[in-house]
Amino acid sequence: MACLFCEIVSGRIPAQIVWRSDDAVAFLDHRPLFPGHVLLVPVAHFETLADLPAAQVGSLFQAAQQLETAVESALAAAGSFIAVNNRVSQSVPHLHVHIVPRNKGDGLKGFFWPRHRYDSEEQMRETAEKIRRALPPT
């Protein structure tokens, strides 16, 4: 099956494109959290952020910065929510950055799932250490 976002990038499926460069395209989400919810995708197909070549990460997130500012300004939003899902909750398996206008009292409560404290400081330290060990050497 063809990738929906690749089809949008190529123009074979229509979308409300709000920005385009040689490397990325931004368009309105057809099922937005709020009007002005933009999806920013790389032109080339990469499933997750980890798959995106390091040389493209900076330009993708510079575009996200510009779009964040534009979305907030255009929608008179007090702020924004920027998110990337990798595999879990990723409805289309093509890397995409959500840029969502936000206002106080808009109904979104932080993240969309219940939050849980660590059982102890020790569990928190152990978890941090596991992540540090998984990082590549600097």
C-alpha atoms as a PDB file:
ATOM      1  CA  MET A   1       0.000   0.000   0.000  1.00  0.00           C
ATOM      2  CA  ALA A   2       1.262   3.471  -0.855  1.00  0.00           C
ATOM      3  CA  CYS A   3       2.091   5.904   1.948  1.00  0.00           C
ATOM      4  CA  LEU A   4      -0.660   8.501   2.374  1.00  0.00           C
ATOM      5  CA  PHE A   5       1.824  11.273   3.174  1.00  0.00           C
ATOM      6  CA  CYS A   6       4.047  10.383   0.207  1.00  0.00           C
ATOM      7  CA  GLU A   7       0.914  10.646  -1.943  1.00  0.00           C
ATOM      8  CA  ILE A   8       0.173  14.104  -0.491  1.00  0.00           C
ATOM      9  CA  VAL A   9       3.794  15.230  -1.000  1.00  0.00           C
ATOM     10  CA  SER A  10       3.658  14.114  -4.649  1.00  0.00           C
ATOM     11  CA  GLY A  11       0.334  15.889  -5.224  1.00  0.00           C
ATOM     12  CA  ARG A  12      -1.530  12.670  -6.080  1.00  0.00           C
ATOM     13  CA  ILE A  13      -3.783  13.195  -3.051  1.00  0.00           C
ATOM     14  CA  PRO A  14      -5.029  16.741  -2.450  1.00  0.00           C
ATOM     15  CA  ALA A  15      -4.291  18.519   0.817  1.00  0.00           C
ATOM     16  CA  GLN A  16      -4.207  22.083   2.087  1.00  0.00           C
ATOM     17  CA  ILE A  17      -0.463  22.711   1.718  1.00  0.00           C
ATOM     18  CA  VAL A  18       0.654  25.621   3.901  1.00  0.00           C
ATOM     19  CA  TRP A  19       4.414  25.442   3.261  1.00  0.00           C
ATOM     20  CA  ARG A  20       6.837  23.575   1.032  1.00  0.00           C
ATOM     21  CA  SER A  21      10.583  23.329   0.547  1.00  0.00           C
ATOM     22  CA  ASP A  22      12.772  20.875  -1.357  1.00  0.00           C
ATOM     23  CA  ASP A  23      13.009  18.693   1.775  1.00  0.00           C
ATOM     24  CA  ALA A  24       9.696  19.083   3.632  1.00  0.00           C
ATOM     25  CA  VAL A  25       6.006  19.826   3.220  1.00  0.00           C
ATOM     26  CA  ALA A  26       3.494  21.147   5.756  1.00  0.00           C
ATOM     27  CA  PHE A  27      -0.247  20.685   5.369  1.00  0.00           C
ATOM     28  CA  LEU A  28      -3.380  20.898   7.463  1.00  0.00           C
ATOM     29  CA  ASP A  29      -4.347  17.735   9.332  1.00  0.00           C
ATOM     30  CA  HIS A  30      -7.709  16.576   7.928  1.00  0.00           C
ATOM     31  CA  ARG A  31      -8.811  15.569  11.473  1.00  0.00           C
ATOM     32  CA  PRO A  32      -7.318  18.399  13.552  1.00  0.00           C
ATOM     33  CA  LEU A  33      -7.256  18.718  17.307  1.00  0.00           C
ATOM     34  CA  PHE A  34      -8.049  22.384  16.600  1.00  0.00           C
ATOM     35  CA  PRO A  35      -8.277  24.415  13.376  1.00  0.00           C
ATOM     36  CA  GLY A  36      -4.749  25.220  12.249  1.00  0.00           C
ATOM     37  CA  HIS A  37      -3.318  21.806  13.273  1.00  0.00           C
ATOM     38  CA  VAL A  38      -0.446  21.373  10.813  1.00  0.00           C
ATOM     39  CA  LEU A  39       1.536  18.261   9.920  1.00  0.00           C
ATOM     40  CA  LEU A  40       5.134  18.787   8.806  1.00  0.00           C
ATOM     41  CA  VAL A  41       6.657  15.849   6.895  1.00  0.00           C
ATOM     42  CA  PRO A  42       9.956  15.230   5.153  1.00  0.00           C
ATOM     43  CA  VAL A  43       9.551  14.855   1.386  1.00  0.00           C
ATOM     44  CA  ALA A  44      11.513  11.601   1.441  1.00  0.00           C
ATOM     45  CA  HIS A  45       9.850   8.692   3.208  1.00  0.00           C
ATOM     46  CA  PHE A  46      11.214   8.042   6.687  1.00  0.00           C
ATOM     47  CA  GLU A  47       9.071   6.195   9.203  1.00  0.00           C
ATOM     48  CA  THR A  48      10.475   7.637  12.438  1.00  0.00           C
ATOM     49  CA  LEU A  49      12.645  10.455  13.724  1.00  0.00           C
ATOM     50  CA  ALA A  50      15.466   7.949  14.261  1.00  0.00           C
ATOM     51  CA  ASP A  51      15.325   7.092  10.532  1.00  0.00           C
ATOM     52  CA  LEU A  52      15.741  10.725   9.427  1.00  0.00           C
ATOM     53  CA  PRO A  53      19.361  11.412   8.431  1.00  0.00           C
ATOM     54  CA  ALA A  54      21.100  13.673  10.953  1.00  0.00           C
ATOM     55  CA  ALA A  55      21.819  16.222   8.229  1.00  0.00           C
ATOM     56  CA  GLN A  56      18.060  16.765   7.767  1.00  0.00           C
ATOM     57  CA  VAL A  57      17.012  17.015  11.422  1.00  0.00           C
ATOM     58  CA  GLY A  58      18.060  20.659  11.794  1.00  0.00           C
ATOM     59  CA  SER A  59      16.246  21.912   8.714  1.00  0.00           C
ATOM     60  CA  LEU A  60      13.085  19.961   9.600  1.00  0.00           C
ATOM     61  CA  PHE A  61      12.926  21.479  13.075  1.00  0.00           C
ATOM     62  CA  GLN A  62      13.829  24.951  11.789  1.00  0.00           C
ATOM     63  CA  ALA A  63      10.760  24.615   9.584  1.00  0.00           C
ATOM     64  CA  ALA A  64       8.781  23.505  12.660  1.00  0.00           C
ATOM     65  CA  GLN A  65       9.931  26.696  14.439  1.00  0.00           C
ATOM     66  CA  GLN A  66       8.749  28.876  11.571  1.00  0.00           C
ATOM     67  CA  LEU A  67       5.445  27.029  11.316  1.00  0.00           C
ATOM     68  CA  GLU A  68       4.894  27.210  15.070  1.00  0.00           C
ATOM     69  CA  THR A  69       5.245  30.984  14.942  1.00  0.00           C
ATOM     70  CA  ALA A  70       2.995  31.254  11.881  1.00  0.00           C
ATOM     71  CA  VAL A  71       0.288  28.992  13.341  1.00  0.00           C
ATOM     72  CA  GLU A  72       0.231  30.901  16.632  1.00  0.00           C
ATOM     73  CA  SER A  73       0.074  34.242  14.819  1.00  0.00           C
ATOM     74  CA  ALA A  74      -2.495  33.203  12.215  1.00  0.00           C
ATOM     75  CA  LEU A  75      -4.836  31.604  14.757  1.00  0.00           C
ATOM     76  CA  ALA A  76      -4.260  34.175  17.523  1.00  0.00           C
ATOM     77  CA  ALA A  77      -3.161  31.267  19.718  1.00  0.00           C
ATOM     78  CA  ALA A  78      -1.521  31.767  23.091  1.00  0.00           C
ATOM     79  CA  GLY A  79       0.891  28.897  22.406  1.00  0.00           C
ATOM     80  CA  SER A  80       1.294  25.607  20.622  1.00  0.00           C
ATOM     81  CA  PHE A  81       1.787  21.892  21.087  1.00  0.00           C
ATOM     82  CA  ILE A  82       4.587  20.265  19.091  1.00  0.00           C
ATOM     83  CA  ALA A  83       4.694  16.463  18.974  1.00  0.00           C
ATOM     84  CA  VAL A  84       6.197  13.506  17.125  1.00  0.00           C
ATOM     85  CA  ASN A  85       4.929   9.956  17.540  1.00  0.00           C
ATOM     86  CA  ASN A  86       7.235   7.072  16.653  1.00  0.00           C
ATOM     87  CA  ARG A  87       5.302   3.939  15.697  1.00  0.00           C
ATOM     88  CA  VAL A  88       2.904   3.900  18.692  1.00  0.00           C
ATOM     89  CA  SER A  89       0.009   6.292  17.956  1.00  0.00           C
ATOM     90  CA  GLN A  90       1.553   7.043  14.562  1.00  0.00           C
ATOM     91  CA  SER A  91      -1.509   6.685  12.323  1.00  0.00           C
ATOM     92  CA  VAL A  92       0.564   7.098   9.152  1.00  0.00           C
ATOM     93  CA  PRO A  93       3.999   5.412   9.177  1.00  0.00           C
ATOM     94  CA  HIS A  94       5.777   8.470   7.759  1.00  0.00           C
ATOM     95  CA  LEU A  95       7.610  10.829  10.114  1.00  0.00           C
ATOM     96  CA  HIS A  96       5.454  13.857  10.889  1.00  0.00           C
ATOM     97  CA  VAL A  97       5.611  16.720  13.328  1.00  0.00           C
ATOM     98  CA  HIS A  98       2.298  17.920  14.754  1.00  0.00           C
ATOM     99  CA  ILE A  99       2.055  21.691  15.226  1.00  0.00           C
ATOM    100  CA  VAL A 100      -1.151  22.462  17.102  1.00  0.00           C
ATOM    101  CA  PRO A 101      -2.361  25.915  18.185  1.00  0.00           C
ATOM    102  CA  ARG A 102      -3.215  26.063  21.908  1.00  0.00           C
ATOM    103  CA  ASN A 103      -5.127  28.395  24.191  1.00  0.00           C
ATOM    104  CA  LYS A 104      -5.740  28.228  27.906  1.00  0.00           C
ATOM    105  CA  GLY A 105      -8.951  26.326  28.589  1.00  0.00           C
ATOM    106  CA  ASP A 106      -9.000  24.646  25.155  1.00  0.00           C
ATOM    107  CA  GLY A 107      -9.718  21.257  26.701  1.00  0.00           C
ATOM    108  CA  LEU A 108      -6.390  19.522  26.169  1.00  0.00           C
ATOM    109  CA  LYS A 109      -4.885  18.445  29.445  1.00  0.00           C
ATOM    110  CA  GLY A 110      -1.126  18.103  29.088  1.00  0.00           C
ATOM    111  CA  PHE A 111      -0.441  14.820  27.396  1.00  0.00           C
ATOM    112  CA  PHE A 112      -3.290  12.628  26.195  1.00  0.00           C
ATOM    113  CA  TRP A 113      -2.616   9.758  28.603  1.00  0.00           C
ATOM    114  CA  PRO A 114      -2.469   9.356  32.387  1.00  0.00           C
ATOM    115  CA  ARG A 115       0.801  10.394  33.985  1.00  0.00           C
ATOM    116  CA  HIS A 116       2.415   8.391  36.768  1.00  0.00           C
ATOM    117  CA  ARG A 117       5.102   9.333  39.232  1.00  0.00           C
ATOM    118  CA  TYR A 118       8.098   7.065  39.703  1.00  0.00           C
ATOM    119  CA  ASP A 119       7.701   4.610  42.577  1.00  0.00           C
ATOM    120  CA  SER A 120      10.866   5.961  44.184  1.00  0.00           C
ATOM    121  CA  GLU A 121      13.917   8.129  43.636  1.00  0.00           C
ATOM    122  CA  GLU A 122      15.852   4.891  43.124  1.00  0.00           C
ATOM    123  CA  GLN A 123      13.543   3.820  40.278  1.00  0.00           C
ATOM    124  CA  MET A 124      13.987   7.259  38.749  1.00  0.00           C
ATOM    125  CA  ARG A 125      17.817   7.017  38.993  1.00  0.00           C
ATOM    126  CA  GLU A 126      17.799   3.477  37.538  1.00  0.00           C
ATOM    127  CA  THR A 127      15.629   4.568  34.641  1.00  0.00           C
ATOM    128  CA  ALA A 128      17.893   7.547  33.902  1.00  0.00           C
ATOM    129  CA  GLU A 129      20.945   5.281  34.015  1.00  0.00           C
ATOM    130  CA  LYS A 130      19.381   2.809  31.557  1.00  0.00           C
ATOM    131  CA  ILE A 131      18.790   5.665  29.104  1.00  0.00           C
ATOM    132  CA  ARG A 132      22.322   7.038  29.561  1.00  0.00           C
ATOM    133  CA  ARG A 133      23.791   3.568  28.870  1.00  0.00           C
ATOM    134  CA  ALA A 134      21.698   3.272  25.694  1.00  0.00           C
ATOM    135  CA  LEU A 135      23.020   6.560  24.265  1.00  0.00           C
ATOM    136  CA  PRO A 136      25.929   6.420  21.813  1.00  0.00           C
ATOM    137  CA  PRO A 137      29.291   7.558  23.216  1.00  0.00           C
ATOM    138  CA  THR A 138      30.043  11.244  22.825  1.00  0.00           C
END
